[in-house]
Amino acid sequence: MTKTWLIVNEASGSYDAAVIADIVTWFAESDHPVDCIVRCPDEDLPTPDKLDREGVETLAIYAGDGTTNSALKQAAGWDGDVLILPGGTMNLLARALHGDQPCRSIIAEAARNRRTTKLNTVEIGESIAYVGVIAGPTTSWARVRENARHTELADLVFNAIPAAISESLGGPQVGIQGDERRFPAIFAAPRDSSMALCGFTASSVGEVLSHASAWLGGDFREGPREDLGSARSATLVSEAETIGLLIDGEPAEAKPGDTLALGQAPHNFIETRAPAAP
């Protein structure tokens, strides 16, 4: 019988102990009972050596994209199967693998018809993004989303939103080497053979508020943008000394001259969405 471990993020704003209990029940119903629950951030994320030593064959992750990224980075080098469950705000990686199915359906289908796939990534420096990288001043909207997630309304209204608008309209712009256009942010997402690139636009308060709506609505990709084509690598340019990054929604920094590059995730991902039509 497949040995299954489950990672959950108890610090997440969407964490619910009753939901975790349901997930454990659904795994048991599928004849793949959960042998261990790793509760971060209080417990360390498992390393490849630990997963191998314990004989884990399936690592399920119920968390948001940021926590999922950290767990995958820690487990790099382990050759078992990873099952991503939608346990955060945006759940973009889970949606890419499973569509909009709920956890119960994903778990049942994974047990009935296990299919695994390899995924491409976007790499910059030591960071790996499974969903995508945002570079530029518009990353300040991450603070808005985080404050909204924790219902810090006073800070949201009086600090985070005004600061995000100011940075989006007035901060140093960012672009891609070889393209003269500059934007409040560049977005790079992994695809089958290249990265899809776009520039988020924020030339007016209306466009900035459209970004705010996209961020708070759970999918930043819906903000106003211009297509920049595709490439296997792209070098960031800016007059700023440092460039704000969001790696799967988690903050980081880069410098002008750093390069976004297509990579491949060192994991086998369980996929339950219907295969694309030939």
Protein backbone atom coordinates (compact mmCIF):
# COMPACT_ATOMS: atom_id res chain seq x y z
CA MET A 1 0.00 0.00 0.00
CA THR A 2 1.26 3.45 -0.91
CA LYS A 3 2.62 5.36 2.08
CA THR A 4 1.19 8.87 2.08
CA TRP A 5 2.29 11.98 3.96
CA LEU A 6 0.26 15.19 4.08
CA ILE A 7 1.71 18.69 4.50
CA VAL A 8 -0.60 21.40 5.85
CA ASN A 9 0.01 25.04 6.77
CA GLU A 10 -1.61 25.79 10.09
CA ALA A 11 -0.59 29.46 9.82
CA SER A 12 -2.63 29.98 6.66
CA GLY A 13 -5.63 32.28 6.87
CA SER A 14 -7.70 29.56 5.22
CA TYR A 15 -6.61 26.78 7.60
CA ASP A 16 -9.51 24.81 9.08
CA ALA A 17 -8.91 21.76 11.27
CA ALA A 18 -12.27 20.29 10.24
CA VAL A 19 -11.23 20.43 6.57
CA ILE A 20 -7.97 18.62 7.39
CA ALA A 21 -9.98 15.92 9.16
CA ASP A 22 -12.16 15.58 6.06
CA ILE A 23 -9.10 15.29 3.82
CA VAL A 24 -7.69 12.51 6.00
CA THR A 25 -11.06 10.72 5.76
CA TRP A 26 -11.13 11.05 1.96
CA PHE A 27 -7.65 9.55 1.68
CA ALA A 28 -8.74 6.62 3.87
CA GLU A 29 -11.83 6.11 1.71
CA SER A 30 -9.58 5.93 -1.35
CA ASP A 31 -7.44 3.16 0.26
CA HIS A 32 -4.50 5.54 0.59
CA PRO A 33 -4.61 6.47 4.30
CA VAL A 34 -2.49 9.37 5.54
CA ASP A 35 0.39 7.93 7.56
CA CYS A 36 1.74 11.28 8.80
CA ILE A 37 0.63 14.92 8.84
CA VAL A 38 3.43 17.49 8.69
CA ARG A 39 2.12 20.67 10.30
CA CYS A 40 4.14 23.67 9.19
CA PRO A 41 5.43 26.12 10.23
CA ASP A 42 5.85 24.37 13.62
CA GLU A 43 7.30 21.22 12.03
CA ASP A 44 10.12 21.08 9.52
CA LEU A 45 9.25 20.37 5.91
CA PRO A 46 10.48 16.90 4.92
CA THR A 47 13.77 16.44 3.09
CA PRO A 48 14.42 13.82 0.37
CA ASP A 49 16.44 11.74 2.84
CA LYS A 50 13.60 11.69 5.35
CA LEU A 51 10.97 10.83 2.75
CA ASP A 52 13.14 8.00 1.41
CA ARG A 53 13.98 6.73 4.90
CA GLU A 54 10.30 6.63 5.86
CA GLY A 55 9.29 4.93 2.61
CA VAL A 56 6.94 7.73 1.51
CA GLU A 57 5.58 7.21 -2.00
CA THR A 58 3.01 10.04 -2.14
CA LEU A 59 3.50 13.53 -0.72
CA ALA A 60 0.23 15.49 -0.60
CA ILE A 61 0.41 19.23 -0.02
CA TYR A 62 -2.65 21.17 1.17
CA ALA A 63 -1.47 24.78 1.20
CA GLY A 64 -1.20 27.92 -0.88
CA ASP A 65 1.22 28.41 -3.75
CA GLY A 66 3.92 29.96 -1.54
CA THR A 67 3.99 27.18 1.06
CA THR A 68 3.74 24.61 -1.71
CA ASN A 69 6.80 26.16 -3.36
CA SER A 70 8.78 25.89 -0.09
CA ALA A 71 7.75 22.26 0.39
CA LEU A 72 8.72 21.34 -3.17
CA LYS A 73 12.08 23.08 -2.83
CA GLN A 74 12.81 21.19 0.39
CA ALA A 75 11.83 17.84 -1.18
CA ALA A 76 13.83 18.31 -4.40
CA GLY A 77 15.69 15.11 -5.22
CA TRP A 78 13.00 12.75 -3.91
CA ASP A 79 11.45 10.70 -6.72
CA GLY A 80 8.00 9.93 -5.29
CA ASP A 81 4.70 11.41 -6.49
CA VAL A 82 3.43 14.83 -5.39
CA LEU A 83 -0.30 15.54 -5.08
CA ILE A 84 -1.10 19.27 -4.92
CA LEU A 85 -4.40 20.09 -3.20
CA PRO A 86 -6.08 23.55 -3.29
CA GLY A 87 -5.48 24.87 0.21
CA GLY A 88 -4.65 28.55 -0.25
CA THR A 89 -5.94 31.81 -1.74
CA MET A 90 -5.13 31.44 -5.44
CA ASN A 91 -4.26 27.73 -5.81
CA LEU A 92 -2.90 28.32 -9.30
CA LEU A 93 -0.70 25.23 -9.32
CA ALA A 94 -3.54 23.00 -8.11
CA ARG A 95 -5.80 24.47 -10.81
CA ALA A 96 -3.18 23.77 -13.48
CA LEU A 97 -3.07 20.11 -12.45
CA HIS A 98 -6.69 19.48 -11.51
CA GLY A 99 -8.87 22.26 -12.90
CA ASP A 100 -11.38 23.58 -10.37
CA GLN A 101 -12.13 20.21 -8.75
CA PRO A 102 -12.57 20.13 -4.95
CA CYS A 103 -10.17 18.17 -2.78
CA ARG A 104 -12.46 15.15 -2.39
CA SER A 105 -12.73 14.67 -6.15
CA ILE A 106 -8.99 15.15 -6.68
CA ILE A 107 -8.11 12.55 -4.03
CA ALA A 108 -10.62 10.03 -5.39
CA GLU A 109 -9.49 10.45 -9.00
CA ALA A 110 -5.80 10.25 -8.05
CA ALA A 111 -6.51 6.88 -6.38
CA ARG A 112 -8.63 5.58 -9.28
CA ASN A 113 -6.43 6.62 -12.16
CA ARG A 114 -2.99 7.81 -11.15
CA ARG A 115 -1.33 9.85 -13.88
CA THR A 116 1.85 11.78 -13.31
CA THR A 117 3.38 14.60 -15.30
CA LYS A 118 6.50 16.71 -15.33
CA LEU A 119 6.13 20.48 -15.11
CA ASN A 120 8.31 23.28 -16.40
CA THR A 121 9.30 26.11 -14.09
CA VAL A 122 10.66 29.65 -14.22
CA GLU A 123 14.03 30.04 -12.54
CA ILE A 124 15.79 33.20 -11.42
CA GLY A 125 18.93 32.92 -9.32
CA GLU A 126 18.34 30.23 -6.71
CA SER A 127 14.56 30.62 -6.87
CA ILE A 128 12.16 28.32 -8.72
CA ALA A 129 8.57 29.29 -9.58
CA TYR A 130 6.02 26.64 -10.45
CA VAL A 131 3.26 29.15 -11.25
CA GLY A 132 5.27 32.19 -12.28
CA VAL A 133 7.46 35.15 -11.39
CA ILE A 134 6.33 38.76 -11.12
CA ALA A 135 9.10 41.38 -11.21
CA GLY A 136 8.62 45.07 -10.54
CA PRO A 137 6.93 47.68 -8.33
CA THR A 138 3.47 46.11 -8.77
CA THR A 139 4.64 43.37 -6.40
CA SER A 140 3.67 45.84 -3.66
CA TRP A 141 0.12 44.53 -4.18
CA ALA A 142 1.21 41.39 -2.35
CA ARG A 143 1.10 43.40 0.88
CA VAL A 144 -2.42 44.50 0.05
CA ARG A 145 -3.52 40.91 -0.49
CA GLU A 146 -1.82 39.73 2.71
CA ASN A 147 -3.45 42.47 4.79
CA ALA A 148 -6.83 41.72 3.23
CA ARG A 149 -6.35 38.01 3.99
CA HIS A 150 -5.88 38.87 7.66
CA THR A 151 -8.65 41.53 7.62
CA GLU A 152 -6.34 44.33 8.75
CA LEU A 153 -8.76 46.87 7.33
CA ALA A 154 -7.29 50.03 8.84
CA ASP A 155 -3.83 49.27 7.49
CA LEU A 156 -5.35 48.20 4.18
CA VAL A 157 -7.19 51.50 3.67
CA PHE A 158 -4.69 53.95 5.12
CA ASN A 159 -1.34 52.34 4.27
CA ALA A 160 -1.20 49.33 1.94
CA ILE A 161 -3.50 50.50 -0.87
CA PRO A 162 -2.10 54.08 -1.09
CA ALA A 163 1.47 52.70 -1.03
CA ALA A 164 0.68 50.17 -3.75
CA ILE A 165 -0.88 52.86 -5.95
CA SER A 166 2.10 55.17 -5.41
CA GLU A 167 4.65 52.46 -6.21
CA SER A 168 2.71 51.21 -9.23
CA LEU A 169 2.48 54.67 -10.78
CA GLY A 170 5.76 56.18 -9.60
CA GLY A 171 8.26 53.38 -8.98
CA PRO A 172 11.09 52.54 -11.40
CA GLN A 173 9.70 50.55 -14.29
CA VAL A 174 11.01 47.17 -15.43
CA GLY A 175 11.43 45.61 -18.85
CA ILE A 176 13.03 42.81 -20.83
CA GLN A 177 16.36 43.25 -22.58
CA GLY A 178 15.81 43.80 -26.30
CA ASP A 179 12.37 45.41 -25.82
CA GLU A 180 12.18 49.17 -25.22
CA ARG A 181 8.84 48.99 -23.42
CA ARG A 182 8.79 49.41 -19.64
CA PHE A 183 6.09 48.29 -17.20
CA PRO A 184 5.23 48.38 -13.51
CA ALA A 185 5.80 44.62 -13.57
CA ILE A 186 6.81 41.75 -15.83
CA PHE A 187 5.15 38.35 -15.47
CA ALA A 188 6.85 35.15 -16.64
CA ALA A 189 4.97 31.83 -16.57
CA PRO A 190 6.24 28.38 -17.57
CA ARG A 191 4.78 26.71 -20.64
CA ASP A 192 5.60 23.50 -22.54
CA SER A 193 8.66 24.76 -24.40
CA SER A 194 9.15 28.38 -23.31
CA MET A 195 8.09 31.06 -20.87
CA ALA A 196 5.03 33.19 -21.61
CA LEU A 197 5.88 36.84 -20.92
CA CYS A 198 3.62 39.82 -20.38
CA GLY A 199 3.92 43.33 -18.99
CA PHE A 200 1.36 44.54 -16.48
CA THR A 201 0.20 48.08 -17.26
CA ALA A 202 -0.70 50.73 -14.69
CA SER A 203 -0.68 54.07 -16.47
CA SER A 204 -3.78 55.34 -14.70
CA VAL A 205 -5.51 55.01 -11.35
CA GLY A 206 -8.22 52.99 -13.12
CA GLU A 207 -5.71 50.39 -14.29
CA VAL A 208 -4.13 50.26 -10.85
CA LEU A 209 -7.51 49.62 -9.26
CA SER A 210 -8.10 46.89 -11.85
CA HIS A 211 -4.89 45.29 -10.59
CA ALA A 212 -6.15 45.62 -7.04
CA SER A 213 -9.36 43.87 -7.99
CA ALA A 214 -7.39 41.06 -9.70
CA TRP A 215 -5.10 40.61 -6.70
CA LEU A 216 -7.90 40.58 -4.16
CA GLY A 217 -10.06 38.40 -6.40
CA GLY A 218 -7.49 35.62 -6.28
CA ASP A 219 -5.90 35.69 -9.75
CA PHE A 220 -3.34 38.43 -10.40
CA ARG A 221 -3.13 37.35 -14.05
CA GLU A 222 -6.45 39.06 -14.73
CA GLY A 223 -4.92 42.54 -14.34
CA PRO A 224 -4.38 44.88 -17.34
CA ARG A 225 -1.42 43.63 -19.40
CA GLU A 226 0.40 43.55 -22.73
CA ASP A 227 1.67 40.36 -24.36
CA LEU A 228 5.47 40.20 -24.68
CA GLY A 229 5.63 36.90 -26.52
CA SER A 230 7.57 33.86 -25.35
CA ALA A 231 11.21 32.98 -24.72
CA ARG A 232 13.35 30.38 -23.00
CA SER A 233 15.21 33.15 -21.17
CA ALA A 234 14.72 36.88 -20.56
CA THR A 235 17.00 39.38 -18.85
CA LEU A 236 15.45 42.02 -16.59
CA VAL A 237 16.31 45.69 -17.10
CA SER A 238 15.44 48.60 -14.81
CA GLU A 239 16.85 51.83 -13.41
CA ALA A 240 16.13 50.53 -9.91
CA GLU A 241 19.00 49.13 -7.83
CA THR A 242 16.86 46.17 -6.84
CA ILE A 243 13.72 44.71 -8.41
CA GLY A 244 10.93 43.33 -6.26
CA LEU A 245 9.94 39.76 -7.09
CA LEU A 246 7.05 37.51 -6.26
CA ILE A 247 7.98 33.83 -6.61
CA ASP A 248 4.65 31.98 -6.64
CA GLY A 249 3.32 34.85 -4.55
CA GLU A 250 6.19 34.97 -2.04
CA PRO A 251 8.45 38.07 -1.93
CA ALA A 252 12.08 38.02 -3.10
CA GLU A 253 14.49 40.40 -4.82
CA ALA A 254 16.51 40.52 -8.02
CA LYS A 255 18.86 43.00 -9.66
CA PRO A 256 18.90 44.46 -13.16
CA GLY A 257 20.72 41.99 -15.37
CA ASP A 258 19.32 38.92 -13.61
CA THR A 259 17.80 36.40 -16.00
CA LEU A 260 14.50 34.54 -15.98
CA ALA A 261 14.97 31.08 -17.50
CA LEU A 262 12.83 28.08 -18.32
CA GLY A 263 13.57 25.04 -16.17
CA GLN A 264 11.98 21.74 -15.23
CA ALA A 265 10.63 20.79 -11.82
CA PRO A 266 12.47 17.88 -10.17
CA HIS A 267 9.19 16.19 -9.21
CA ASN A 268 6.50 13.82 -10.50
CA PHE A 269 3.15 15.60 -10.15
CA ILE A 270 -0.14 13.71 -9.97
CA GLU A 271 -2.55 15.17 -12.51
CA THR A 272 -6.32 14.56 -12.45
CA ARG A 273 -7.70 17.05 -14.95
CA ALA A 274 -8.87 15.61 -18.24
CA PRO A 275 -6.08 15.25 -20.82
CA ALA A 276 -6.05 17.90 -23.54
CA ALA A 277 -7.70 16.88 -26.78
CA PRO A 278 -5.18 15.74 -29.46
